Protein backbone atom coordinates (compact mmCIF):
# COMPACT_ATOMS: atom_id res chain seq x y z
CA MET A 1 36.56 -54.22 72.82
CA ASN A 2 34.57 -53.70 69.64
CA GLU A 3 30.81 -54.13 69.61
CA ARG A 4 29.95 -56.62 66.91
CA ILE A 5 26.88 -57.53 64.88
CA ARG A 6 26.03 -60.74 63.07
CA ALA A 7 27.12 -60.57 59.43
CA PRO A 8 24.39 -61.75 57.02
CA ALA A 9 25.22 -64.36 54.41
CA SER A 10 24.21 -61.92 51.67
CA LEU A 11 27.52 -60.10 52.13
CA VAL A 12 29.41 -63.18 50.95
CA GLY A 13 27.00 -63.49 48.03
CA ALA A 14 27.82 -59.95 46.96
CA ALA A 15 31.56 -60.65 47.16
CA PHE A 16 31.08 -63.82 45.08
CA LEU A 17 29.19 -61.80 42.45
CA MET A 18 31.88 -59.12 42.35
CA MET A 19 34.58 -61.75 41.87
CA MET A 20 32.60 -63.33 39.04
CA SER A 21 31.80 -59.98 37.38
CA SER A 22 35.51 -59.14 37.41
CA GLY A 23 35.89 -61.72 34.64
CA PHE A 24 35.22 -59.06 31.99
CA GLY A 25 38.58 -57.56 32.93
CA GLN A 26 40.50 -60.79 33.48
CA THR A 27 43.17 -62.17 31.16
CA TYR A 28 41.24 -65.39 30.51
CA PHE A 29 38.36 -63.37 28.97
CA ILE A 30 40.22 -60.59 27.16
CA ALA A 31 42.67 -63.03 25.53
CA ILE A 32 39.79 -64.72 23.67
CA PHE A 33 39.32 -61.56 21.60
CA ALA A 34 43.00 -61.15 20.71
CA PRO A 35 42.73 -62.52 17.11
CA TRP A 36 39.88 -60.15 16.19
CA LEU A 37 41.43 -57.16 17.94
CA LYS A 38 44.75 -57.66 16.18
CA ALA A 39 43.11 -58.20 12.79
CA ASP A 40 40.66 -55.29 12.97
CA LEU A 41 43.09 -52.81 14.53
CA GLY A 42 46.20 -53.86 12.60
CA LEU A 43 48.21 -54.82 15.67
CA SER A 44 51.09 -57.28 15.86
CA ASP A 45 51.56 -59.74 18.72
CA GLY A 46 54.11 -57.37 20.21
CA GLY A 47 51.83 -54.37 19.84
CA PHE A 48 48.89 -56.06 21.52
CA GLY A 49 51.09 -57.47 24.29
CA GLY A 50 52.70 -54.06 24.79
CA PHE A 51 49.36 -52.32 25.19
CA TYR A 52 48.26 -55.02 27.61
CA THR A 53 51.39 -54.66 29.73
CA LEU A 54 51.11 -50.86 29.85
CA ALA A 55 47.44 -51.07 30.81
CA ASN A 56 48.28 -53.49 33.62
CA VAL A 57 51.06 -51.34 35.00
CA ALA A 58 48.87 -48.24 34.91
CA SER A 59 45.96 -50.03 36.61
CA ALA A 60 48.27 -51.27 39.36
CA GLY A 61 49.43 -47.72 40.04
CA ALA A 62 45.88 -46.40 40.04
CA LEU A 63 44.68 -49.08 42.47
CA MET A 64 47.50 -48.29 44.87
CA TRP A 65 46.10 -44.77 45.09
CA ALA A 66 42.38 -45.59 44.97
CA GLY A 67 42.42 -48.74 47.11
CA ARG A 68 42.18 -46.76 50.36
CA PHE A 69 38.64 -45.66 49.44
CA ALA A 70 37.48 -49.08 50.67
CA ASP A 71 38.37 -47.89 54.19
CA ARG A 72 36.41 -44.65 53.89
CA PHE A 73 33.19 -45.51 52.08
CA ARG A 74 30.66 -48.33 51.95
CA ILE A 75 31.70 -51.23 49.73
CA ARG A 76 28.15 -51.17 48.35
CA TRP A 77 28.45 -47.83 46.61
CA LEU A 78 32.03 -48.34 45.54
CA ALA A 79 31.08 -51.67 43.95
CA VAL A 80 28.16 -50.15 42.05
CA ALA A 81 30.31 -47.32 40.71
CA THR A 82 33.01 -49.81 39.71
CA LEU A 83 30.54 -52.09 37.92
CA ILE A 84 29.15 -49.16 35.94
CA CYS A 85 32.64 -48.05 34.94
CA LEU A 86 33.47 -51.61 33.90
CA ALA A 87 30.30 -51.71 31.78
CA LEU A 88 31.37 -48.47 30.07
CA ALA A 89 34.77 -50.01 29.30
CA CYS A 90 33.04 -53.07 27.79
CA ALA A 91 30.89 -50.80 25.62
CA ALA A 92 33.98 -48.88 24.53
CA MET A 93 35.69 -52.14 23.55
CA ALA A 94 32.70 -52.95 21.33
CA GLY A 95 33.25 -49.73 19.40
CA VAL A 96 37.06 -49.51 19.33
CA SER A 97 38.25 -48.47 15.87
CA LYS A 98 41.89 -47.44 16.25
CA GLY A 99 44.83 -49.26 17.77
CA TRP A 100 45.84 -46.51 20.17
CA LEU A 101 42.34 -46.43 21.67
CA LEU A 102 42.86 -49.97 22.88
CA LEU A 103 45.27 -48.75 25.56
CA PRO A 104 42.78 -46.66 27.61
CA ILE A 105 40.08 -49.30 27.10
CA LEU A 106 42.33 -52.08 28.39
CA PHE A 107 43.26 -49.82 31.29
CA GLY A 108 39.57 -49.45 32.18
CA LEU A 109 38.89 -53.18 31.90
CA ARG A 110 41.87 -54.09 34.06
CA LEU A 111 41.40 -51.34 36.67
CA PHE A 112 37.66 -51.73 37.22
CA GLY A 113 37.46 -55.47 36.51
CA GLN A 114 40.57 -57.39 37.43
CA SER A 115 41.78 -54.95 40.09
CA SER A 116 39.02 -52.95 41.79
CA LEU A 117 36.19 -55.49 41.97
CA VAL A 118 38.49 -58.17 43.38
CA HIS A 119 39.98 -55.68 45.82
CA LEU A 120 36.57 -54.55 47.08
CA ALA A 121 35.27 -58.11 47.42
CA LEU A 122 38.24 -59.41 49.40
CA THR A 123 38.58 -56.27 51.52
CA GLY A 124 34.92 -56.49 52.42
CA VAL A 125 35.05 -60.15 53.45
CA GLY A 126 38.26 -59.61 55.39
CA ARG A 127 36.58 -56.83 57.36
CA TRP A 128 33.09 -58.29 57.77
CA TYR A 129 34.21 -61.63 59.22
CA ALA A 130 36.75 -62.54 61.86
CA ARG A 131 36.19 -65.95 63.40
CA ARG A 132 35.10 -67.54 60.12
CA ARG A 133 37.20 -65.40 57.83
CA GLY A 134 38.82 -68.34 56.08
CA ARG A 135 35.57 -70.09 55.26
CA MET A 136 33.83 -66.91 54.17
CA MET A 137 36.83 -65.95 52.04
CA SER A 138 36.79 -69.38 50.38
CA LEU A 139 33.13 -68.88 49.41
CA ALA A 140 33.75 -65.38 48.05
CA VAL A 141 36.72 -66.33 45.87
CA LEU A 142 34.68 -69.09 44.21
CA GLY A 143 33.30 -66.35 41.97
CA HIS A 144 36.59 -66.31 40.07
CA PRO A 145 36.76 -69.99 39.02
CA VAL A 146 33.02 -70.04 38.31
CA GLY A 147 33.50 -67.11 35.94
CA GLU A 148 36.59 -68.78 34.52
CA ALA A 149 34.58 -71.91 33.74
CA MET A 150 31.52 -70.17 32.26
CA MET A 151 32.56 -66.92 30.62
CA PRO A 152 35.09 -68.07 27.97
CA VAL A 153 32.76 -70.78 26.69
CA THR A 154 29.83 -68.36 26.62
CA ALA A 155 31.92 -65.71 24.86
CA VAL A 156 33.05 -68.12 22.14
CA MET A 157 29.43 -69.13 21.53
CA LEU A 158 28.27 -65.52 21.36
CA ILE A 159 31.10 -64.53 19.02
CA SER A 160 30.05 -67.27 16.59
CA VAL A 161 26.44 -66.04 16.67
CA VAL A 162 26.55 -62.24 16.98
CA GLY A 163 30.21 -61.29 16.50
CA TRP A 164 32.94 -60.16 18.85
CA ARG A 165 31.85 -56.54 19.15
CA GLN A 166 28.27 -57.38 20.05
CA THR A 167 29.58 -59.86 22.64
CA TRP A 168 31.18 -56.97 24.49
CA LEU A 169 27.90 -55.03 24.35
CA ILE A 170 26.09 -57.99 25.85
CA GLY A 171 28.69 -58.01 28.63
CA ALA A 172 28.01 -54.34 29.36
CA ALA A 173 24.28 -55.05 29.51
CA VAL A 174 24.80 -57.98 31.90
CA LEU A 175 26.80 -55.78 34.26
CA CYS A 176 24.21 -53.00 34.29
CA LEU A 177 21.05 -55.10 34.35
CA ILE A 178 22.13 -58.02 36.54
CA SER A 179 25.31 -57.33 38.52
CA VAL A 180 24.46 -53.79 39.67
CA PRO A 181 20.94 -54.54 40.96
CA LEU A 182 22.09 -57.75 42.67
CA VAL A 183 25.00 -56.06 44.44
CA LEU A 184 22.69 -53.30 45.65
CA PHE A 185 20.29 -55.91 47.00
CA LEU A 186 22.87 -58.23 48.57
CA LEU A 187 24.71 -55.37 50.31
CA ARG A 188 21.59 -53.64 51.59
CA LYS A 189 22.54 -54.70 55.15
CA GLU A 190 26.23 -53.88 54.86
CA PRO A 191 27.51 -52.52 58.19
CA PRO A 192 29.30 -49.17 58.38
CA HIS A 193 32.83 -49.33 56.99
CA ASP A 194 34.32 -48.83 60.45
CA GLN A 195 32.07 -51.40 62.17
CA ALA A 196 33.78 -54.62 63.25
CA VAL A 197 31.75 -57.69 62.31
CA ASP A 198 32.02 -61.31 63.32
CA THR A 199 29.94 -64.42 62.86
CA GLY A 200 31.13 -66.24 65.95
CA GLY A 201 30.22 -65.89 69.59
CA GLY A 202 32.25 -64.40 72.42
CA PRO A 203 34.47 -61.35 72.47
CA LEU A 204 37.49 -60.96 70.26
CA ALA A 205 40.77 -60.03 71.89
CA PRO A 206 41.81 -56.47 71.08
CA ARG A 207 44.80 -56.20 68.77
CA ARG A 208 46.90 -53.59 67.07
CA GLU A 209 45.44 -51.97 63.95
CA TRP A 210 48.22 -51.03 61.55
CA THR A 211 48.16 -48.03 59.23
CA ARG A 212 49.41 -48.31 55.66
CA ALA A 213 52.37 -46.07 56.48
CA GLU A 214 53.39 -48.40 59.32
CA VAL A 215 53.07 -51.45 57.11
CA LEU A 216 55.21 -49.87 54.39
CA ARG A 217 57.93 -49.27 56.97
CA THR A 218 57.88 -52.95 57.95
CA PRO A 219 60.40 -55.03 55.95
CA VAL A 220 58.51 -58.29 56.56
CA PHE A 221 55.61 -56.99 54.43
CA PHE A 222 57.84 -56.80 51.37
CA ALA A 223 59.58 -60.03 52.35
CA VAL A 224 56.24 -61.83 52.18
CA LEU A 225 55.39 -60.19 48.85
CA LEU A 226 58.68 -61.46 47.42
CA GLY A 227 57.32 -64.98 47.80
CA ILE A 228 53.61 -64.68 47.14
CA VAL A 229 53.93 -62.87 43.78
CA ALA A 230 55.14 -66.08 42.12
CA PRO A 231 51.67 -67.32 41.00
CA ALA A 232 50.78 -63.90 39.57
CA PHE A 233 53.76 -64.08 37.20
CA VAL A 234 53.92 -67.80 36.47
CA MET A 235 50.26 -68.57 35.80
CA THR A 236 49.81 -65.39 33.74
CA ALA A 237 52.87 -66.34 31.68
CA VAL A 238 51.55 -69.83 30.96
CA PHE A 239 47.99 -68.84 30.10
CA PHE A 240 48.82 -65.72 28.07
CA HIS A 241 51.21 -67.70 25.85
CA GLN A 242 49.11 -70.87 25.74
CA ALA A 243 48.84 -70.74 21.93
CA TYR A 244 52.64 -70.74 21.59
CA LEU A 245 52.92 -73.53 24.17
CA VAL A 246 50.54 -75.92 22.42
CA GLU A 247 52.14 -75.18 19.04
CA THR A 248 55.64 -76.06 20.25
CA LYS A 249 54.40 -79.18 22.06
CA GLY A 250 52.36 -80.43 19.11
CA TRP A 251 49.06 -80.23 20.99
CA THR A 252 45.88 -78.42 19.99
CA LEU A 253 44.46 -75.31 21.62
CA ALA A 254 41.10 -77.07 21.95
CA TRP A 255 42.78 -79.80 24.03
CA PHE A 256 44.37 -77.24 26.35
CA VAL A 257 41.26 -75.08 26.74
CA GLY A 258 39.07 -78.15 27.16
CA TRP A 259 40.69 -78.85 30.52
CA LEU A 260 39.90 -75.40 31.95
CA PRO A 261 36.64 -76.58 33.57
CA VAL A 262 38.74 -79.11 35.50
CA TYR A 263 41.03 -76.26 36.48
CA ALA A 264 38.06 -74.25 37.71
CA GLY A 265 36.52 -77.20 39.55
CA THR A 266 39.78 -78.03 41.30
CA SER A 267 40.18 -74.37 42.28
CA VAL A 268 36.72 -74.40 43.82
CA LEU A 269 37.34 -77.49 45.92
CA THR A 270 40.78 -76.28 46.97
CA ALA A 271 39.46 -72.86 47.99
CA LEU A 272 36.77 -74.45 50.16
CA LEU A 273 39.22 -76.80 51.86
CA THR A 274 41.72 -73.98 52.36
CA GLY A 275 39.06 -71.84 54.02
CA TRP A 276 38.53 -74.52 56.66
CA LEU A 277 42.30 -74.93 57.11
CA VAL A 278 42.82 -71.16 57.49
CA ASP A 279 40.29 -71.01 60.32
CA ARG A 280 41.97 -73.98 62.00
CA PHE A 281 45.68 -73.23 61.45
CA HIS A 282 45.82 -69.57 60.22
CA ALA A 283 46.84 -68.35 56.76
CA ARG A 284 50.38 -67.51 57.81
CA GLN A 285 51.04 -71.13 58.82
CA LEU A 286 49.97 -72.45 55.41
CA LEU A 287 51.87 -69.93 53.27
CA PRO A 288 54.99 -72.03 52.58
CA LEU A 289 52.94 -74.93 51.22
CA PHE A 290 50.68 -73.32 48.64
CA LEU A 291 53.38 -72.65 46.02
CA LEU A 292 54.69 -76.23 45.76
CA PRO A 293 51.92 -77.69 43.55
CA MET A 294 52.48 -74.91 41.00
CA ALA A 295 56.19 -75.68 40.89
CA ALA A 296 55.38 -79.31 40.08
CA ALA A 297 52.78 -78.22 37.50
CA VAL A 298 55.18 -76.04 35.53
CA LEU A 299 57.92 -78.67 35.81
CA VAL A 300 55.60 -81.13 34.06
CA LEU A 301 54.98 -78.63 31.25
CA ALA A 302 58.70 -78.03 30.86
CA LEU A 303 59.75 -81.68 30.71
CA SER A 304 56.88 -83.52 29.04
CA ARG A 305 55.59 -83.52 25.48
CA SER A 306 52.71 -85.86 26.26
CA PRO A 307 49.28 -84.24 25.87
CA TYR A 308 48.40 -85.67 29.27
CA ALA A 309 50.78 -83.14 30.79
CA VAL A 310 47.89 -80.66 30.38
CA PRO A 311 45.49 -82.28 32.90
CA VAL A 312 48.37 -82.75 35.33
CA PHE A 313 49.26 -79.07 34.95
CA VAL A 314 45.71 -77.78 35.40
CA VAL A 315 45.07 -79.86 38.52
CA LEU A 316 48.35 -79.00 40.22
CA GLY A 317 48.19 -75.36 39.13
CA ALA A 318 44.65 -75.08 40.46
CA LEU A 319 45.81 -76.32 43.86
CA THR A 320 48.01 -73.24 44.10
CA THR A 321 45.60 -70.68 42.63
CA GLY A 322 42.62 -72.03 44.56
CA SER A 323 44.40 -72.08 47.90
CA GLY A 324 46.23 -68.83 47.19
CA SER A 325 43.04 -66.83 46.68
CA THR A 326 41.74 -67.80 50.12
CA LEU A 327 45.10 -67.59 51.89
CA LEU A 328 46.04 -64.16 50.60
CA GLY A 329 42.53 -62.86 51.13
CA ALA A 330 42.83 -63.65 54.85
CA LEU A 331 46.54 -63.03 55.41
CA TRP A 332 46.68 -59.23 55.61
CA ALA A 333 43.74 -59.06 58.02
CA GLU A 334 45.49 -61.63 60.23
CA LEU A 335 48.74 -59.70 60.30
CA PHE A 336 47.68 -56.05 60.27
CA GLY A 337 44.04 -55.85 61.36
CA THR A 338 41.00 -54.62 59.44
CA ARG A 339 40.68 -50.90 60.12
CA ASN A 340 42.96 -49.94 57.21
CA LEU A 341 42.65 -53.21 55.31
CA GLY A 342 41.67 -51.56 52.03
CA ALA A 343 44.73 -49.34 51.93
CA ILE A 344 47.06 -52.19 52.90
CA ARG A 345 45.55 -54.69 50.48
CA SER A 346 45.69 -52.18 47.64
CA VAL A 347 49.48 -51.99 47.92
CA ALA A 348 49.92 -55.76 48.03
CA PHE A 349 47.42 -56.38 45.24
CA SER A 350 48.87 -53.62 43.05
CA ILE A 351 52.30 -55.18 43.29
CA GLN A 352 50.85 -58.56 42.30
CA VAL A 353 49.07 -56.94 39.34
CA PHE A 354 52.30 -55.19 38.33
CA ILE A 355 54.22 -58.48 38.43
CA SER A 356 51.53 -60.24 36.40
CA ALA A 357 51.71 -57.38 33.88
CA LEU A 358 55.38 -58.08 33.27
CA ALA A 359 54.82 -61.72 32.32
CA PRO A 360 53.31 -61.41 28.81
CA GLY A 361 55.86 -58.89 27.58
CA LEU A 362 58.93 -60.41 29.23
CA ILE A 363 58.19 -63.95 28.08
CA GLY A 364 57.48 -62.65 24.57
CA ILE A 365 60.78 -60.74 24.43
CA LEU A 366 62.74 -63.78 25.58
CA LEU A 367 61.02 -65.92 22.97
CA ASP A 368 61.97 -63.38 20.30
CA LEU A 369 65.56 -63.62 21.54
CA GLY A 370 65.52 -67.38 21.09
CA VAL A 371 65.16 -68.46 24.73
CA ARG A 372 63.11 -71.64 24.65
CA LEU A 373 59.86 -71.72 26.60
CA GLU A 374 60.94 -74.88 28.43
CA HIS A 375 64.05 -73.13 29.75
CA GLN A 376 61.97 -70.20 30.96
CA TYR A 377 59.64 -72.62 32.73
CA MET A 378 62.58 -74.18 34.57
CA VAL A 379 63.61 -70.75 35.88
CA MET A 380 60.04 -70.23 37.11
CA VAL A 381 60.13 -73.60 38.87
CA ALA A 382 63.40 -72.73 40.61
CA TYR A 383 62.08 -69.36 41.77
CA THR A 384 58.85 -70.90 43.05
CA ILE A 385 60.69 -73.47 45.15
CA LEU A 386 63.01 -70.81 46.57
CA ALA A 387 59.99 -68.60 47.33
CA SER A 388 58.37 -71.45 49.26
CA LEU A 389 61.50 -71.95 51.35
CA TRP A 390 61.71 -68.20 51.94
CA LEU A 391 58.13 -68.07 53.23
CA LYS A 392 58.89 -70.97 55.55
CA LEU A 393 61.70 -68.94 57.12
CA LEU A 394 59.32 -66.01 57.63
CA VAL A 395 56.60 -67.95 59.48
CA PRO A 396 57.96 -67.32 63.03
CA ARG A 397 58.13 -63.59 62.33
CA LEU A 398 54.58 -63.63 60.99
CA HIS A 399 53.35 -65.34 64.15
CA ARG A 400 54.85 -62.54 66.23
CA LEU A 401 53.19 -59.89 64.05
CA ALA A 402 49.78 -61.56 64.27
CA ARG A 403 49.95 -61.78 68.06
CA ALA A 404 50.79 -58.09 68.46
């Protein structure tokens, strides 16, 4: 039986900050700069989308290799190194002068921002907490919607005042002068990476601790991934091609973007509620349900031309993304333990990143071939519903794994 210590609340604060700081490498932030990047670097829509897809695929592969470091070193020092690297990528974006240079810069933004910071934050929370893992995870993942609500609006304001290049320099300064010192402070009491931590009382029952090699030999791991990758593809596809969507529907981009704070707020509330539900019913029990709101959201976009389809979409879509962040953050620790959680999560997360990387390019190619966006949405809806049913069939097997 593991000896445990009480986990301070500052650990969750650090994870929240890492999730929020990851915004500099997230699609919702980078996409804002697309018009200026394409104009200054002479890139077409296909060229920019191609670079973005390649950068995503490369970052997914790199994380699959580097993700295991979270099991060997303190999250504190890994997070600081990652934040500094992300700041360097932001500074490089401010000075980019040639189209081909955009590829390594996007790779750095995606690897250190969207991939590594999120991976470190969720791996840390999954390891530091056991009895309250769901609630702590729900607090940590709030950093993403908070960043989603604040950073695009702030970036647009800064671009209008100082220009797009200087906006990236300000981002680099924020990471170095605010995020790095705060993470160092908040993680000053981080336990050793191999120390089990819990916030509840009483002993925890010993359980099997899986290695990554064992997990990769377990078919149910990939069976679960087959279902849970749906939001990574679908939501990336919708948001990356939002300009095309509003043009074909006769809406305005301002109308679509104006509802993003509602999307963020709904994600926050859903994440908090899901955290409580995870601690009560377990993440594996809730898996089949979290995809259904997204299916309804995309169905509304496919079938309706009313501008009020947008608020319906953002609310329903946020129910899936908000609950999914908490569920998936807790799931792998439930099923396979925490000793090798970083290595295991890195595989799962890399596959999700890879799938999300396919969305911009694939949807763009199909549009070029004349496949209407509404028809593509209907295929996404069908897959999402089938994925939900598939996860429902897997629940008994997941219960047996968790009880091992």
